[in-house]
């Protein structure tokens, strides 16, 4: 029974800490754009490097031929 005197305040403190972290994340805008990252991965914005298809990767490959 005396264990409850220690466990209940610890559980309440952890609950309050979790609630405070959640409230901070709401205020700092962590949940403002939920769909942006999911849609951003679908679009390829990287431009391909010109002239790299079929060419050797280093100059040492050219001298060995």
Protein backbone atom coordinates (compact mmCIF):
# COMPACT_ATOMS: atom_id res chain seq x y z
CA UNK A 1 0.00 0.00 0.00
CA UNK A 2 2.85 2.37 0.70
CA UNK A 3 4.07 1.81 -2.85
CA UNK A 4 1.03 3.68 -4.13
CA UNK A 5 2.19 6.78 -2.29
CA UNK A 6 5.23 6.78 -4.57
CA UNK A 7 3.68 5.48 -7.79
CA UNK A 8 0.68 7.80 -7.99
CA UNK A 9 2.69 11.07 -7.81
CA UNK A 10 5.20 9.68 -10.32
CA UNK A 11 2.40 8.70 -12.70
CA UNK A 12 0.75 12.10 -12.33
CA UNK A 13 4.05 13.89 -12.93
CA UNK A 14 4.69 11.84 -16.09
CA UNK A 15 1.18 12.58 -17.31
CA UNK A 16 1.61 16.31 -16.73
CA UNK A 17 5.01 16.22 -18.48
CA UNK A 18 3.47 14.45 -21.49
CA UNK A 19 0.61 16.93 -21.62
CA UNK A 20 3.05 19.84 -21.39
CA UNK A 21 5.14 18.40 -24.26
CA UNK A 22 2.02 17.96 -26.37
CA UNK A 23 0.84 21.51 -25.67
CA UNK A 24 4.29 22.85 -26.58
CA UNK A 25 4.22 20.94 -29.87
CA UNK A 26 0.80 22.41 -30.69
CA UNK A 27 1.95 25.95 -29.97
CA UNK A 28 5.19 25.61 -31.92
CA UNK A 29 3.39 24.51 -35.09
CA UNK A 30 4.47 20.88 -35.28
CA UNK A 31 1.08 19.81 -36.64
CA UNK A 32 0.44 22.68 -39.07
CA UNK A 33 1.25 20.88 -42.34
CA UNK A 34 0.55 17.16 -42.03
CA UNK A 35 0.06 16.53 -45.75
CA UNK A 36 3.03 18.53 -47.00
CA UNK A 37 5.74 15.97 -46.27
CA UNK A 38 3.61 13.12 -47.57
CA UNK A 39 3.02 14.91 -50.88
CA UNK A 40 6.52 16.34 -51.19
CA UNK A 41 8.10 12.91 -51.52
CA UNK A 42 6.05 12.22 -54.65
CA UNK A 43 7.60 15.07 -56.65
CA UNK A 44 11.11 14.70 -58.07
CA UNK A 45 12.81 18.08 -58.02
CA UNK A 46 16.34 16.82 -58.67
CA UNK A 47 17.67 17.58 -62.12
CA UNK A 48 19.76 14.78 -63.65
CA UNK A 49 23.45 15.43 -64.14
CA UNK A 50 24.16 15.88 -67.85
CA UNK A 51 26.53 13.51 -69.62
CA UNK A 52 26.87 10.83 -66.96
CA UNK A 53 25.00 7.99 -68.65
CA UNK A 54 27.43 5.28 -69.70
CA UNK A 55 30.57 7.25 -68.85
CA UNK A 56 33.21 6.05 -66.40
CA UNK A 57 33.07 7.49 -62.92
CA UNK A 58 36.71 8.39 -62.48
CA UNK A 59 39.74 9.29 -64.56
CA UNK A 60 41.59 6.13 -63.50
CA UNK A 61 39.00 4.06 -65.39
CA UNK A 62 39.85 5.94 -68.59
CA UNK A 63 43.59 5.32 -68.30
CA UNK A 64 43.17 1.57 -67.76
CA UNK A 65 41.41 1.05 -71.08
